[in-house]
Protein backbone atom coordinates (compact mmCIF):
# COMPACT_ATOMS: atom_id res chain seq x y z
CA MET A 1 76.72 160.69 67.42
CA SER A 2 77.25 157.09 66.30
CA LYS A 3 79.85 158.25 63.74
CA LEU A 4 81.79 159.93 66.56
CA LYS A 5 81.70 156.75 68.66
CA LEU A 6 82.84 154.68 65.69
CA THR A 7 85.68 157.11 64.96
CA ILE A 8 86.83 157.09 68.60
CA THR A 9 86.63 153.28 68.76
CA LEU A 10 88.59 152.83 65.53
CA THR A 11 91.21 155.35 66.66
CA PHE A 12 91.57 153.55 69.99
CA LEU A 13 91.97 150.16 68.27
CA LEU A 14 94.55 151.60 65.86
CA ILE A 15 96.60 152.95 68.77
CA VAL A 16 96.40 149.66 70.69
CA PHE A 17 97.45 147.50 67.74
CA SER A 18 100.21 149.80 66.54
CA ALA A 19 101.69 149.91 70.08
CA CYS A 20 101.97 146.11 70.19
CA SER A 21 105.02 145.76 67.99
CA LYS A 22 107.18 142.64 67.78
CA ASP A 23 110.30 144.43 66.53
CA ASP A 24 112.43 143.25 69.47
CA ASP A 25 111.43 139.61 69.20
CA THR A 26 114.09 137.72 67.23
CA SER A 27 112.96 134.27 68.27
CA ASN A 28 112.14 133.69 64.60
CA GLU A 29 115.62 134.67 63.42
CA ILE A 30 116.31 133.01 60.09
CA TYR A 31 119.87 131.93 59.34
CA THR A 32 121.43 130.95 56.03
CA ASN A 33 124.50 128.95 55.04
CA GLU A 34 126.25 132.30 54.61
CA ASP A 35 125.41 133.25 58.22
CA LEU A 36 126.87 129.98 59.47
CA LYS A 37 130.31 131.13 58.32
CA LEU A 38 130.28 133.29 61.45
CA LEU A 39 129.76 130.10 63.45
CA HIS A 40 132.46 127.90 61.89
CA ASN A 41 134.60 130.24 59.73
CA ASN A 42 134.28 127.90 56.68
CA ALA A 43 136.30 125.21 58.48
CA SER A 44 136.43 125.60 62.24
CA LYS A 45 136.14 128.37 64.78
CA THR A 46 137.06 128.33 68.46
CA TRP A 47 134.56 129.66 70.99
CA GLU A 48 134.63 129.98 74.76
CA LEU A 49 131.57 129.95 76.94
CA GLU A 50 131.19 133.30 78.69
CA ALA A 51 128.28 132.14 80.85
CA TYR A 52 125.68 129.41 81.33
CA TYR A 53 122.43 130.84 82.67
CA GLU A 54 119.49 128.92 84.05
CA ASN A 55 117.60 132.21 83.75
CA TYR A 56 119.41 134.97 81.88
CA ASP A 57 117.83 137.73 83.96
CA ASN A 58 119.43 136.76 87.24
CA TRP A 59 120.50 133.17 87.72
CA ILE A 60 123.84 131.68 86.67
CA SER A 61 123.77 127.87 86.58
CA ASP A 62 125.46 125.81 89.28
CA GLN A 63 127.44 124.22 86.44
CA ASN A 64 128.68 127.55 85.07
CA ASP A 65 132.25 127.20 86.41
CA CYS A 66 132.77 123.76 84.92
CA LEU A 67 131.56 124.82 81.47
CA ILE A 68 133.27 128.19 81.05
CA ASP A 69 136.78 126.74 81.20
CA ASP A 70 136.07 124.44 78.22
CA ILE A 71 136.92 125.21 74.60
CA TYR A 72 134.27 124.67 71.91
CA ILE A 73 135.40 124.26 68.30
CA PHE A 74 132.49 124.60 65.86
CA LYS A 75 133.12 122.85 62.54
CA THR A 76 131.31 122.78 59.20
CA ALA A 77 129.80 119.30 59.43
CA ASN A 78 127.49 120.09 62.38
CA GLU A 79 130.29 119.03 64.72
CA VAL A 80 131.35 120.72 67.91
CA GLU A 81 134.58 119.50 69.46
CA VAL A 82 134.57 120.05 73.22
CA ILE A 83 137.95 120.29 74.92
CA SER A 84 137.32 119.97 78.64
CA GLY A 85 139.04 122.35 81.01
CA ASN A 86 140.32 121.62 84.50
CA GLU A 87 137.00 122.12 86.27
CA ASN A 88 134.76 119.04 86.07
CA CYS A 89 130.99 119.26 86.31
CA TYR A 90 130.93 116.00 88.22
CA TYR A 91 133.26 114.55 90.83
CA GLY A 92 136.08 112.47 89.38
CA ASN A 93 137.74 112.23 85.99
CA SER A 94 135.23 110.10 84.09
CA GLU A 95 133.35 113.04 82.61
CA ILE A 96 131.84 113.01 79.12
CA ALA A 97 131.42 116.28 77.22
CA GLU A 98 129.79 116.25 73.80
CA ALA A 99 128.03 118.78 71.60
CA SER A 100 126.70 119.16 68.07
CA TYR A 101 124.57 121.60 66.16
CA THR A 102 121.84 121.08 63.60
CA PHE A 103 121.02 123.55 60.84
CA TYR A 104 117.50 123.34 59.47
CA GLU A 105 118.07 125.13 56.17
CA LYS A 106 114.43 125.28 55.10
CA GLU A 107 113.33 126.97 58.34
CA GLY A 108 116.63 128.78 58.92
CA GLY A 109 116.95 127.50 62.48
CA VAL A 110 120.12 126.38 64.24
CA TRP A 111 119.98 124.19 67.35
CA LEU A 112 122.80 123.23 69.73
CA THR A 113 122.66 119.91 71.55
CA MET A 114 124.93 119.59 74.56
CA THR A 115 125.53 116.62 76.83
CA ARG A 116 127.61 116.50 79.99
CA GLY A 117 127.78 113.28 81.93
CA LYS A 118 129.65 110.92 84.16
CA ILE A 119 129.68 107.15 84.24
CA THR A 120 130.62 105.50 87.52
CA ASP A 121 130.18 101.75 87.71
CA ASP A 122 126.53 101.23 86.72
CA VAL A 123 125.38 104.79 87.46
CA VAL A 124 125.03 107.44 84.76
CA ARG A 125 124.50 111.06 85.68
CA SER A 126 124.08 113.65 82.94
CA THR A 127 122.90 117.06 81.86
CA PHE A 128 121.35 117.28 78.39
CA PHE A 129 119.77 120.21 76.64
CA LYS A 130 118.95 121.53 73.20
CA LEU A 131 118.91 125.29 72.61
CA LYS A 132 118.07 127.50 69.63
CA LEU A 133 120.50 130.02 68.17
CA ILE A 134 119.04 133.43 69.01
CA GLU A 135 121.98 135.75 68.29
CA LEU A 136 124.95 135.36 65.94
CA GLU A 137 127.65 137.97 65.49
CA GLU A 138 131.34 137.80 64.57
CA GLY A 139 132.51 137.45 68.18
CA ARG A 140 129.36 136.50 70.10
CA MET A 141 126.55 134.01 69.83
CA VAL A 142 123.68 133.06 72.12
CA PHE A 143 121.81 129.76 72.23
CA SER A 144 118.69 129.99 74.35
CA SER A 145 115.36 128.47 75.25
CA GLY A 146 113.66 131.87 75.28
CA ASN A 147 113.26 134.96 73.16
CA LYS A 148 115.90 137.66 72.83
CA SER A 149 114.04 139.92 75.24
CA ASP A 150 113.32 137.07 77.69
CA TYR A 151 116.09 134.44 77.76
CA LYS A 152 115.59 131.45 79.97
CA THR A 153 118.34 128.82 79.81
CA ALA A 154 121.09 130.47 77.79
CA LEU A 155 124.65 129.76 76.70
CA ILE A 156 126.63 132.88 75.81
CA PHE A 157 129.66 132.11 73.60
CA VAL A 158 132.47 134.52 72.70
CA SER A 159 135.42 134.24 70.34
CA ASN A 160 138.55 136.32 69.83
């Protein structure tokens, strides 16, 4: 009888552990210098922001409109040139838009740092965030603070 209980228990544990797969979790995506060619095309590559999500499941950021009309040129030296569009994130024309990316070759991680701000007299107002590259394809890339199956803050870039 105890052998039967042991067999049933082991079978149950085998089913439970084999059902808990992490195949869809790409939060540990490892990128190489070769992969980065998709990002900067060996010199520079122009990207547009398709959307800026506070929560990818259902909540577009209030600043989405002011970011999606900008042009982002990713270059080889961790540089991102931001060409601001007509829609400002802040009132007035004194807006600052900067971005850069960092490639941690040993770990294979790529991080985007983005800053948007405005300086008026002695007052500085800004938005700053750092997001990890979660997806990278020829015409689409996603930087996010969550996993592929559960994005939180996310920037979805597309190129032609």
